[in-house]
Every structure is written in C-alpha cells, then in structure tokens.
C-alpha cells in the first residue's frame, strides 16, 4: 500500500465562531471519520493546522501568513494508506470538511531512497 495525504480546504468564515457545543460536535465528527479509517488499519497520521505562521520566499523574505484576506484556508491533513489514488479518494467520503462545503485534496506521498 502507498501513502496518500488528504489536505482539508475550507472557505474562511471570519464572522462565524462556533459555540462550545458546536465545537464538541465537530470534534466528535472528525474522530468518528478518522476512527473509521483507523479501524481499517489505513490511518498513518493527522494534524490540524493553526492560524499562526509565516512564509519564507526563495530570496529569504519572511512575511506573515496564512493571510486573513485569503478566502480559502488549509485546516489540516491526514495521511492514509491506500492501494491507489482512487482507493484514497474513496476514503475521503464522509469527511466532515465535505459536509461543511469544503474540499479534500488527495495527493500521493513520494518516497525517496536516501
């Protein structure tokens, strides 16, 4: 099996702050979805991404980011094991990001022999 990364993209909604009860429900949704993948022995790793960061250019210029003015944000990722790209895409079914109107980008993880 190969490893694939699913990158979770959503539109930033600055004026929408979920209540603690809504946050708890969202966390449970993510845990259930990831638990389904883990139960199949196909879970490798996952992380959510925060809002603090900077971008470094090739010229060494450091700028603040991720940018608030961007409409789309990357909220996190999961790495899964799958037989091929189609199999990995199938694993994205039921992802909470999709239910919130977001997107899941599925990419193969390249392995380099060093």
N, C-alpha and C. Protein backbone atom coordinates (compact mmCIF):
# COMPACT_ATOMS: atom_id res chain seq x y z
N UNK A 1 0.84 -1.19 0.00
CA UNK A 1 0.00 0.00 0.00
C UNK A 1 0.88 1.24 0.00
N UNK A 2 0.41 2.26 -0.70
CA UNK A 2 1.09 3.55 -0.73
C UNK A 2 0.47 4.48 0.29
N UNK A 3 1.19 5.55 0.59
CA UNK A 3 0.64 6.59 1.47
C UNK A 3 0.12 7.75 0.63
N UNK A 4 -1.00 8.29 1.07
CA UNK A 4 -1.63 9.44 0.43
C UNK A 4 -1.96 10.47 1.50
N UNK A 5 -1.84 11.74 1.13
CA UNK A 5 -2.20 12.82 2.04
C UNK A 5 -3.49 13.45 1.57
N UNK A 6 -4.40 13.65 2.50
CA UNK A 6 -5.62 14.40 2.22
C UNK A 6 -5.46 15.75 2.90
N UNK A 7 -5.60 16.81 2.11
CA UNK A 7 -5.46 18.17 2.61
C UNK A 7 -6.85 18.78 2.67
N UNK A 8 -7.23 19.29 3.81
CA UNK A 8 -8.58 19.81 4.02
C UNK A 8 -8.64 21.31 3.77
N UNK A 9 -9.42 21.71 2.78
CA UNK A 9 -9.55 23.12 2.40
C UNK A 9 -10.98 23.58 2.67
N UNK A 10 -11.09 24.78 3.22
CA UNK A 10 -12.39 25.36 3.51
C UNK A 10 -12.33 26.86 3.28
N UNK A 11 -13.48 27.45 3.05
CA UNK A 11 -13.53 28.91 2.96
C UNK A 11 -13.51 29.47 4.36
N UNK A 12 -12.74 30.51 4.52
CA UNK A 12 -12.65 31.16 5.83
C UNK A 12 -13.90 31.99 6.08
N UNK A 13 -14.55 31.74 7.20
CA UNK A 13 -15.75 32.48 7.58
C UNK A 13 -15.44 33.19 8.89
N UNK A 14 -14.96 34.42 8.76
CA UNK A 14 -14.48 35.17 9.92
C UNK A 14 -15.56 35.50 10.93
N UNK A 15 -16.78 35.71 10.47
CA UNK A 15 -17.82 36.14 11.39
C UNK A 15 -18.58 34.97 12.02
N UNK A 16 -18.13 33.75 11.77
CA UNK A 16 -18.79 32.58 12.34
C UNK A 16 -17.89 31.91 13.37
N UNK A 17 -18.23 32.05 14.62
CA UNK A 17 -17.50 31.38 15.69
C UNK A 17 -18.42 30.34 16.31
N UNK A 18 -18.06 29.06 16.19
CA UNK A 18 -18.93 28.03 16.74
C UNK A 18 -18.97 28.07 18.27
N UNK A 19 -20.12 27.69 18.81
CA UNK A 19 -20.27 27.61 20.26
C UNK A 19 -19.48 26.40 20.77
N UNK A 20 -19.21 26.34 22.07
CA UNK A 20 -18.51 25.17 22.61
C UNK A 20 -19.23 23.85 22.28
N UNK A 21 -20.55 23.87 22.30
CA UNK A 21 -21.33 22.66 21.98
C UNK A 21 -21.13 22.27 20.50
N UNK A 22 -21.13 23.28 19.62
CA UNK A 22 -20.91 23.02 18.20
C UNK A 22 -19.49 22.50 17.96
N UNK A 23 -18.50 23.07 18.66
CA UNK A 23 -17.11 22.61 18.53
C UNK A 23 -17.00 21.15 18.98
N UNK A 24 -17.65 20.82 20.07
CA UNK A 24 -17.63 19.45 20.58
C UNK A 24 -18.22 18.48 19.56
N UNK A 25 -19.30 18.89 18.91
CA UNK A 25 -19.94 18.06 17.89
C UNK A 25 -19.03 17.90 16.68
N UNK A 26 -18.33 18.97 16.28
CA UNK A 26 -17.40 18.89 15.15
C UNK A 26 -16.24 17.96 15.45
N UNK A 27 -15.69 18.07 16.65
CA UNK A 27 -14.58 17.20 17.05
C UNK A 27 -15.03 15.74 17.02
N UNK A 28 -16.22 15.47 17.51
CA UNK A 28 -16.74 14.10 17.50
C UNK A 28 -16.90 13.58 16.07
N UNK A 29 -17.35 14.45 15.16
CA UNK A 29 -17.49 14.07 13.75
C UNK A 29 -16.14 13.66 13.15
N UNK A 30 -15.12 14.48 13.42
CA UNK A 30 -13.78 14.18 12.91
C UNK A 30 -13.25 12.88 13.53
N UNK A 31 -13.45 12.71 14.83
CA UNK A 31 -12.97 11.49 15.50
C UNK A 31 -13.65 10.25 14.91
N UNK A 32 -14.93 10.35 14.64
CA UNK A 32 -15.66 9.21 14.05
C UNK A 32 -15.13 8.87 12.67
N UNK A 33 -14.93 9.90 11.83
CA UNK A 33 -14.46 9.67 10.47
C UNK A 33 -13.04 9.09 10.46
N UNK A 34 -12.15 9.68 11.26
CA UNK A 34 -10.78 9.17 11.34
C UNK A 34 -10.76 7.78 11.97
N UNK A 35 -11.63 7.55 12.95
CA UNK A 35 -11.73 6.24 13.59
C UNK A 35 -12.12 5.15 12.60
N UNK A 36 -12.98 5.49 11.64
CA UNK A 36 -13.38 4.54 10.61
C UNK A 36 -12.18 4.13 9.77
N UNK A 37 -11.35 5.10 9.42
CA UNK A 37 -10.14 4.82 8.63
C UNK A 37 -9.15 4.01 9.47
N UNK A 38 -8.99 4.37 10.73
CA UNK A 38 -8.06 3.66 11.62
C UNK A 38 -8.50 2.22 11.83
N UNK A 39 -9.82 1.99 11.93
CA UNK A 39 -10.34 0.64 12.13
C UNK A 39 -10.01 -0.28 10.95
N UNK A 40 -9.77 0.30 9.79
CA UNK A 40 -9.40 -0.46 8.60
C UNK A 40 -7.88 -0.67 8.52
N UNK A 41 -7.14 -0.14 9.50
CA UNK A 41 -5.68 -0.26 9.50
C UNK A 41 -5.02 0.62 8.45
N UNK A 42 -5.70 1.73 8.07
CA UNK A 42 -5.18 2.56 6.99
C UNK A 42 -4.79 3.96 7.44
N UNK A 43 -4.86 4.22 8.73
CA UNK A 43 -4.51 5.52 9.29
C UNK A 43 -3.01 5.58 9.54
N UNK A 44 -2.37 6.70 9.14
CA UNK A 44 -0.95 6.89 9.39
C UNK A 44 -0.74 8.04 10.38
N UNK A 45 -1.27 9.23 10.07
CA UNK A 45 -1.08 10.40 10.93
C UNK A 45 -2.08 11.49 10.55
N UNK A 46 -2.29 12.43 11.45
CA UNK A 46 -3.13 13.58 11.15
C UNK A 46 -2.76 14.74 12.07
N UNK A 47 -3.06 15.94 11.63
CA UNK A 47 -2.90 17.14 12.44
C UNK A 47 -3.80 18.23 11.91
N UNK A 48 -4.27 19.06 12.81
CA UNK A 48 -4.97 20.28 12.42
C UNK A 48 -3.91 21.38 12.36
N UNK A 49 -4.15 22.37 11.55
CA UNK A 49 -3.20 23.48 11.43
C UNK A 49 -3.78 24.72 12.09
N UNK A 50 -2.94 25.44 12.82
CA UNK A 50 -3.36 26.66 13.48
C UNK A 50 -3.37 27.83 12.51
N UNK A 51 -3.60 29.02 13.04
CA UNK A 51 -3.69 30.22 12.23
C UNK A 51 -2.42 31.06 12.27
N UNK A 52 -1.46 30.66 13.08
CA UNK A 52 -0.21 31.40 13.19
C UNK A 52 0.80 30.80 12.23
N UNK A 53 1.53 31.63 11.51
CA UNK A 53 2.53 31.14 10.59
C UNK A 53 3.20 32.26 9.83
N UNK A 54 4.24 31.92 9.10
CA UNK A 54 4.93 32.86 8.23
C UNK A 54 5.34 32.12 6.97
N UNK A 55 5.60 32.90 5.92
CA UNK A 55 6.02 32.34 4.64
C UNK A 55 7.42 32.85 4.34
N UNK A 56 8.31 31.95 3.94
CA UNK A 56 9.68 32.31 3.61
C UNK A 56 9.84 32.17 2.10
N UNK A 57 10.29 33.23 1.43
CA UNK A 57 10.48 33.19 -0.02
C UNK A 57 11.89 32.71 -0.35
N UNK A 58 12.11 32.42 -1.62
CA UNK A 58 13.43 31.98 -2.09
C UNK A 58 14.49 33.04 -1.85
N UNK A 59 14.08 34.29 -1.77
CA UNK A 59 15.01 35.40 -1.54
C UNK A 59 15.24 35.65 -0.05
N UNK A 60 14.65 34.81 0.80
CA UNK A 60 14.84 34.95 2.24
C UNK A 60 13.91 35.96 2.89
N UNK A 61 12.93 36.43 2.15
CA UNK A 61 11.98 37.38 2.71
C UNK A 61 10.94 36.61 3.51
N UNK A 62 10.74 37.03 4.75
CA UNK A 62 9.78 36.38 5.63
C UNK A 62 8.56 37.30 5.75
N UNK A 63 7.38 36.75 5.46
CA UNK A 63 6.15 37.54 5.59
C UNK A 63 5.14 36.77 6.42
N UNK A 64 4.22 37.53 7.00
CA UNK A 64 3.20 36.91 7.83
C UNK A 64 2.23 36.10 6.98
N UNK A 65 1.69 35.07 7.55
CA UNK A 65 0.72 34.23 6.87
C UNK A 65 0.33 33.11 7.82
N UNK A 66 -0.67 32.36 7.58
CA UNK A 66 -1.58 32.46 6.44
C UNK A 66 -2.34 33.78 6.46
N UNK A 67 -2.70 34.22 5.30
CA UNK A 67 -3.25 35.55 5.14
C UNK A 67 -4.74 35.58 5.39
N UNK A 68 -5.17 36.54 6.20
CA UNK A 68 -6.57 36.69 6.57
C UNK A 68 -7.43 37.03 5.35
N UNK A 69 -6.84 37.71 4.36
CA UNK A 69 -7.63 38.11 3.21
C UNK A 69 -7.91 36.96 2.24
N UNK A 70 -7.22 35.85 2.42
CA UNK A 70 -7.48 34.69 1.56
C UNK A 70 -8.85 34.11 1.87
N UNK A 71 -9.54 33.68 0.84
CA UNK A 71 -10.86 33.09 1.04
C UNK A 71 -10.74 31.64 1.50
N UNK A 72 -9.74 30.94 0.99
CA UNK A 72 -9.63 29.52 1.29
C UNK A 72 -8.46 29.27 2.24
N UNK A 73 -8.69 28.43 3.24
CA UNK A 73 -7.64 28.09 4.18
C UNK A 73 -7.44 26.58 4.18
N UNK A 74 -6.25 26.17 4.56
CA UNK A 74 -5.97 24.76 4.76
C UNK A 74 -6.07 24.52 6.25
N UNK A 75 -7.01 23.66 6.64
CA UNK A 75 -7.28 23.45 8.06
C UNK A 75 -6.50 22.31 8.68
N UNK A 76 -6.00 21.39 7.86
CA UNK A 76 -5.28 20.26 8.39
C UNK A 76 -5.08 19.20 7.34
N UNK A 77 -4.65 18.03 7.78
CA UNK A 77 -4.39 16.94 6.85
C UNK A 77 -4.46 15.61 7.56
N UNK A 78 -4.56 14.56 6.77
CA UNK A 78 -4.44 13.20 7.28
C UNK A 78 -3.62 12.41 6.26
N UNK A 79 -2.82 11.50 6.73
CA UNK A 79 -2.07 10.60 5.85
C UNK A 79 -2.66 9.21 6.04
N UNK A 80 -3.02 8.60 4.92
CA UNK A 80 -3.66 7.29 4.94
C UNK A 80 -2.90 6.32 4.04
N UNK A 81 -3.16 5.05 4.21
CA UNK A 81 -2.63 4.01 3.32
C UNK A 81 -3.74 3.57 2.38
N UNK A 82 -3.41 3.47 1.10
CA UNK A 82 -4.40 3.06 0.11
C UNK A 82 -3.68 2.33 -1.03
N UNK A 83 -4.44 1.52 -1.75
CA UNK A 83 -3.87 0.76 -2.87
C UNK A 83 -3.50 1.66 -4.04
N UNK A 84 -4.29 2.72 -4.27
CA UNK A 84 -4.06 3.63 -5.39
C UNK A 84 -4.82 4.92 -5.11
N UNK A 85 -4.71 5.86 -6.03
CA UNK A 85 -5.35 7.16 -5.85
C UNK A 85 -6.86 7.03 -5.71
N UNK A 86 -7.48 6.21 -6.53
CA UNK A 86 -8.93 6.05 -6.46
C UNK A 86 -9.36 5.50 -5.11
N UNK A 87 -8.59 4.57 -4.58
CA UNK A 87 -8.87 4.00 -3.27
C UNK A 87 -8.76 5.08 -2.18
N UNK A 88 -7.74 5.94 -2.29
CA UNK A 88 -7.56 7.02 -1.32
C UNK A 88 -8.70 8.03 -1.42
N UNK A 89 -9.12 8.34 -2.64
CA UNK A 89 -10.24 9.28 -2.83
C UNK A 89 -11.50 8.71 -2.18
N UNK A 90 -11.71 7.41 -2.31
CA UNK A 90 -12.88 6.76 -1.71
C UNK A 90 -12.86 6.92 -0.19
N UNK A 91 -11.66 6.88 0.42
CA UNK A 91 -11.55 7.07 1.87
C UNK A 91 -11.99 8.46 2.30
N UNK A 92 -11.96 9.43 1.39
CA UNK A 92 -12.35 10.80 1.76
C UNK A 92 -13.86 10.94 1.93
N UNK A 93 -14.62 9.95 1.47
CA UNK A 93 -16.08 10.01 1.62
C UNK A 93 -16.44 10.11 3.10
N UNK A 94 -17.33 10.99 3.42
CA UNK A 94 -17.75 11.18 4.81
C UNK A 94 -16.90 12.16 5.58
N UNK A 95 -15.88 12.74 4.94
CA UNK A 95 -15.01 13.71 5.62
C UNK A 95 -15.85 14.92 6.06
N UNK A 96 -15.74 15.34 7.31
CA UNK A 96 -16.51 16.48 7.79
C UNK A 96 -16.30 17.76 6.97
N UNK A 97 -15.13 17.94 6.40
CA UNK A 97 -14.88 19.12 5.56
C UNK A 97 -15.84 19.17 4.39
N UNK A 98 -16.14 18.02 3.81
CA UNK A 98 -17.06 17.98 2.67
C UNK A 98 -18.47 18.37 3.10
N UNK A 99 -18.87 17.97 4.29
CA UNK A 99 -20.20 18.33 4.79
C UNK A 99 -20.32 19.82 5.10
N UNK A 100 -19.17 20.48 5.29
CA UNK A 100 -19.16 21.91 5.57
C UNK A 100 -18.97 22.72 4.29
N UNK A 101 -19.02 22.06 3.13
CA UNK A 101 -18.86 22.76 1.86
C UNK A 101 -17.43 22.93 1.42
N UNK A 102 -16.49 22.28 2.11
CA UNK A 102 -15.08 22.40 1.77
C UNK A 102 -14.65 21.37 0.74
N UNK A 103 -13.34 21.25 0.59
CA UNK A 103 -12.75 20.33 -0.39
C UNK A 103 -11.69 19.48 0.29
N UNK A 104 -11.47 18.29 -0.28
CA UNK A 104 -10.38 17.43 0.17
C UNK A 104 -9.48 17.21 -1.04
N UNK A 105 -8.24 17.66 -0.93
CA UNK A 105 -7.25 17.42 -1.98
C UNK A 105 -6.51 16.14 -1.61
N UNK A 106 -6.48 15.16 -2.50
CA UNK A 106 -5.82 13.89 -2.23
C UNK A 106 -4.56 13.80 -3.10
N UNK A 107 -3.41 13.59 -2.45
CA UNK A 107 -2.13 13.55 -3.15
C UNK A 107 -1.34 12.34 -2.70
N UNK A 108 -0.60 11.74 -3.64
CA UNK A 108 0.27 10.64 -3.25
C UNK A 108 1.51 11.20 -2.57
N UNK A 109 2.04 10.44 -1.63
CA UNK A 109 3.26 10.82 -0.91
C UNK A 109 4.43 10.15 -1.61
N UNK A 110 5.38 10.97 -2.06
CA UNK A 110 6.54 10.42 -2.76
C UNK A 110 7.57 9.96 -1.72
N UNK A 111 8.16 8.82 -1.97
CA UNK A 111 9.17 8.27 -1.09
C UNK A 111 10.51 8.29 -1.82
N UNK A 112 11.51 8.87 -1.19
CA UNK A 112 12.85 8.96 -1.78
C UNK A 112 13.79 8.04 -1.01
N UNK A 113 14.55 7.26 -1.72
CA UNK A 113 15.58 6.43 -1.09
C UNK A 113 16.81 7.29 -0.86
N UNK A 114 17.23 7.37 0.40
CA UNK A 114 18.43 8.17 0.71
C UNK A 114 19.45 7.34 1.42
